[in-house]
PDB file of N, CA and C in Angstrom:
ATOM      1  N   HIS A   1     115.046 118.494  96.430  1.00  0.00           N
ATOM      2  CA  HIS A   1     113.890 119.576  96.303  1.00  0.00           C
ATOM      3  C   HIS A   1     113.136 119.139  95.141  1.00  0.00           C
ATOM      4  N   ARG A   2     111.747 119.245  95.073  1.00  0.00           N
ATOM      5  CA  ARG A   2     110.835 118.797  94.184  1.00  0.00           C
ATOM      6  C   ARG A   2     110.221 120.209  93.186  1.00  0.00           C
ATOM      7  N   GLU A   3     109.736 119.748  92.183  1.00  0.00           N
ATOM      8  CA  GLU A   3     109.177 120.888  91.233  1.00  0.00           C
ATOM      9  C   GLU A   3     107.826 120.651  91.220  1.00  0.00           C
ATOM     10  N   LEU A   4     107.132 121.526  90.638  1.00  0.00           N
ATOM     11  CA  LEU A   4     105.827 121.468  90.732  1.00  0.00           C
ATOM     12  C   LEU A   4     105.349 120.956  89.309  1.00  0.00           C
ATOM     13  N   PRO A   5     104.256 120.227  88.932  1.00  0.00           N
ATOM     14  CA  PRO A   5     103.358 119.567  90.033  1.00  0.00           C
ATOM     15  C   PRO A   5     104.030 118.361  90.785  1.00  0.00           C
ATOM     16  N   ILE A   6     103.394 118.372  92.001  1.00  0.00           N
ATOM     17  CA  ILE A   6     103.918 117.276  92.847  1.00  0.00           C
ATOM     18  C   ILE A   6     103.082 115.864  92.626  1.00  0.00           C
ATOM     19  N   LYS A   7     103.719 114.893  92.426  1.00  0.00           N
ATOM     20  CA  LYS A   7     103.173 113.699  92.227  1.00  0.00           C
ATOM     21  C   LYS A   7     103.467 112.466  93.306  1.00  0.00           C
ATOM     22  N   ALA A   8     102.311 111.826  93.774  1.00  0.00           N
ATOM     23  CA  ALA A   8     102.468 110.710  94.732  1.00  0.00           C
ATOM     24  C   ALA A   8     103.230 109.384  94.018  1.00  0.00           C
ATOM     25  N   ASP A   9     104.487 109.493  94.079  1.00  0.00           N
ATOM     26  CA  ASP A   9     105.400 108.561  93.722  1.00  0.00           C
ATOM     27  C   ASP A   9     106.183 107.543  94.476  1.00  0.00           C
ATOM     28  N   TYR A  10     105.960 107.537  96.060  1.00  0.00           N
ATOM     29  CA  TYR A  10     106.544 107.041  96.817  1.00  0.00           C
ATOM     30  C   TYR A  10     105.629 105.807  97.124  1.00  0.00           C
ATOM     31  N   VAL A  11     106.090 104.415  96.923  1.00  0.00           N
ATOM     32  CA  VAL A  11     105.308 102.936  97.279  1.00  0.00           C
ATOM     33  C   VAL A  11     106.247 102.746  98.619  1.00  0.00           C
ATOM     34  N   GLY A  12     105.166 102.418  99.609  1.00  0.00           N
ATOM     35  CA  GLY A  12     105.683 101.596 100.773  1.00  0.00           C
ATOM     36  C   GLY A  12     105.487  99.953 100.728  1.00  0.00           C
ATOM     37  N   LYS A  13     104.216  99.790 100.155  1.00  0.00           N
ATOM     38  CA  LYS A  13     104.010  98.377  99.878  1.00  0.00           C
ATOM     39  C   LYS A  13     102.926  98.067  98.919  1.00  0.00           C
ATOM     40  N   ASN A  14     103.329  97.325  97.864  1.00  0.00           N
ATOM     41  CA  ASN A  14     102.246  96.831  96.824  1.00  0.00           C
ATOM     42  C   ASN A  14     101.375  95.822  97.198  1.00  0.00           C
ATOM     43  N   VAL A  15     100.116  96.069  97.034  1.00  0.00           N
ATOM     44  CA  VAL A  15      99.141  94.942  97.431  1.00  0.00           C
ATOM     45  C   VAL A  15      98.228  94.680  96.152  1.00  0.00           C
ATOM     46  N   PRO A  16      98.306  93.315  95.670  1.00  0.00           N
ATOM     47  CA  PRO A  16      97.647  93.251  94.237  1.00  0.00           C
ATOM     48  C   PRO A  16      96.083  93.324  94.558  1.00  0.00           C
ATOM     49  N   THR A  17      95.135  93.896  94.090  1.00  0.00           N
ATOM     50  CA  THR A  17      93.627  93.783  94.237  1.00  0.00           C
ATOM     51  C   THR A  17      93.210  93.622  92.948  1.00  0.00           C
ATOM     52  N   SER A  18      91.696  93.260  93.006  1.00  0.00           N
ATOM     53  CA  SER A  18      90.982  93.029  91.836  1.00  0.00           C
ATOM     54  C   SER A  18      90.065  93.912  91.594  1.00  0.00           C
ATOM     55  N   ALA A  19      89.532  93.919  90.610  1.00  0.00           N
ATOM     56  CA  ALA A  19      88.306  95.167  90.150  1.00  0.00           C
ATOM     57  C   ALA A  19      87.217  94.752  91.177  1.00  0.00           C
ATOM     58  N   SER A  20      86.982  94.223  91.699  1.00  0.00           N
ATOM     59  CA  SER A  20      85.979  93.762  92.797  1.00  0.00           C
ATOM     60  C   SER A  20      86.429  94.522  94.158  1.00  0.00           C
ATOM     61  N   GLU A  21      87.370  94.929  94.313  1.00  0.00           N
ATOM     62  CA  GLU A  21      87.899  95.488  95.497  1.00  0.00           C
ATOM     63  C   GLU A  21      88.194  97.012  95.518  1.00  0.00           C
ATOM     64  N   LEU A  22      88.048  97.561  96.524  1.00  0.00           N
ATOM     65  CA  LEU A  22      88.280  99.046  96.953  1.00  0.00           C
ATOM     66  C   LEU A  22      89.442  99.069  98.041  1.00  0.00           C
ATOM     67  N   VAL A  23      90.475 100.394  97.748  1.00  0.00           N
ATOM     68  CA  VAL A  23      91.249 100.464  98.744  1.00  0.00           C
ATOM     69  C   VAL A  23      90.861 101.772  99.567  1.00  0.00           C
ATOM     70  N   GLU A  24      90.693 101.591 100.901  1.00  0.00           N
ATOM     71  CA  GLU A  24      90.059 102.829 101.563  1.00  0.00           C
ATOM     72  C   GLU A  24      91.294 103.282 102.569  1.00  0.00           C
ATOM     73  N   VAL A  25      91.564 104.814 102.082  1.00  0.00           N
ATOM     74  CA  VAL A  25      92.758 105.126 103.063  1.00  0.00           C
ATOM     75  C   VAL A  25      91.972 106.232 104.047  1.00  0.00           C
ATOM     76  N   ARG A  26      92.042 105.924 105.484  1.00  0.00           N
ATOM     77  CA  ARG A  26      91.505 106.428 106.469  1.00  0.00           C
ATOM     78  C   ARG A  26      92.331 107.324 107.228  1.00  0.00           C
ATOM     79  N   LEU A  27      92.337 108.574 107.648  1.00  0.00           N
ATOM     80  CA  LEU A  27      93.461 109.503 108.245  1.00  0.00           C
ATOM     81  C   LEU A  27      92.594 109.764 109.724  1.00  0.00           C
ATOM     82  N   LYS A  28      93.559 109.847 110.652  1.00  0.00           N
ATOM     83  CA  LYS A  28      93.147 110.089 112.052  1.00  0.00           C
ATOM     84  C   LYS A  28      92.316 111.459 112.154  1.00  0.00           C
ATOM     85  N   GLU A  29      92.576 112.336 111.414  1.00  0.00           N
ATOM     86  CA  GLU A  29      91.669 113.571 111.555  1.00  0.00           C
ATOM     87  C   GLU A  29      90.481 113.480 111.088  1.00  0.00           C
ATOM     88  N   ALA A  30      90.035 112.870 110.180  1.00  0.00           N
ATOM     89  CA  ALA A  30      88.687 112.624 109.551  1.00  0.00           C
ATOM     90  C   ALA A  30      88.245 111.455 110.214  1.00  0.00           C
ATOM     91  N   ASP A  31      88.884 110.224 110.382  1.00  0.00           N
ATOM     92  CA  ASP A  31      88.430 108.809 110.606  1.00  0.00           C
ATOM     93  C   ASP A  31      88.927 108.483 112.081  1.00  0.00           C
ATOM     94  N   GLY A  32      89.261 109.114 112.994  1.00  0.00           N
ATOM     95  CA  GLY A  32      89.950 108.553 114.395  1.00  0.00           C
ATOM     96  C   GLY A  32      90.828 107.956 114.175  1.00  0.00           C
ATOM     97  N   LYS A  33      91.596 107.458 113.445  1.00  0.00           N
ATOM     98  CA  LYS A  33      92.762 106.424 113.300  1.00  0.00           C
ATOM     99  C   LYS A  33      93.344 106.408 111.645  1.00  0.00           C
ATOM    100  N   ASP A  34      94.470 106.481 111.595  1.00  0.00           N
ATOM    101  CA  ASP A  34      95.350 106.010 110.213  1.00  0.00           C
ATOM    102  C   ASP A  34      95.480 104.470 109.915  1.00  0.00           C
ATOM    103  N   GLU A  35      94.856 104.315 109.049  1.00  0.00           N
ATOM    104  CA  GLU A  35      94.604 102.944 108.096  1.00  0.00           C
ATOM    105  C   GLU A  35      94.279 102.848 106.765  1.00  0.00           C
ATOM    106  N   VAL A  36      94.789 102.065 106.384  1.00  0.00           N
ATOM    107  CA  VAL A  36      94.405 101.501 104.805  1.00  0.00           C
ATOM    108  C   VAL A  36      93.649 100.092 104.989  1.00  0.00           C
ATOM    109  N   VAL A  37      92.599 100.034 104.391  1.00  0.00           N
ATOM    110  CA  VAL A  37      91.490  98.955 104.324  1.00  0.00           C
ATOM    111  C   VAL A  37      91.309  98.491 102.807  1.00  0.00           C
ATOM    112  N   LEU A  38      91.024  97.313 102.724  1.00  0.00           N
ATOM    113  CA  LEU A  38      90.724  96.678 101.651  1.00  0.00           C
ATOM    114  C   LEU A  38      89.484  96.045 101.620  1.00  0.00           C
ATOM    115  N   CYS A  39      88.520  96.511 100.932  1.00  0.00           N
ATOM    116  CA  CYS A  39      87.194  96.266 100.854  1.00  0.00           C
ATOM    117  C   CYS A  39      86.463  95.665  99.637  1.00  0.00           C
ATOM    118  N   GLU A  40      85.386  94.723 100.181  1.00  0.00           N
ATOM    119  CA  GLU A  40      84.850  94.334  98.537  1.00  0.00           C
ATOM    120  C   GLU A  40      83.826  95.423  98.182  1.00  0.00           C
ATOM    121  N   LYS A  41      83.449  95.702  96.994  1.00  0.00           N
ATOM    122  CA  LYS A  41      82.759  96.653  96.287  1.00  0.00           C
ATOM    123  C   LYS A  41      81.591  95.748  96.273  1.00  0.00           C
ATOM    124  N   ILE A  42      80.452  96.972  96.549  1.00  0.00           N
ATOM    125  CA  ILE A  42      79.042  96.361  96.754  1.00  0.00           C
ATOM    126  C   ILE A  42      78.540  96.510  95.223  1.00  0.00           C
ATOM    127  N   PRO A  43      78.015  95.359  94.681  1.00  0.00           N
ATOM    128  CA  PRO A  43      77.328  95.578  93.339  1.00  0.00           C
ATOM    129  C   PRO A  43      76.224  96.511  93.406  1.00  0.00           C
TER     130      PRO A  43
END
């Protein structure tokens, strides 16, 4: 049982990133498929 406030504390995989990278989380309902994408930031 969880108490409020609920926090995201589950980690399925740790992936190191740099300050020049973004992590995009895409959901099937909004984007057509569930995926996590690592992208380069545009300067």
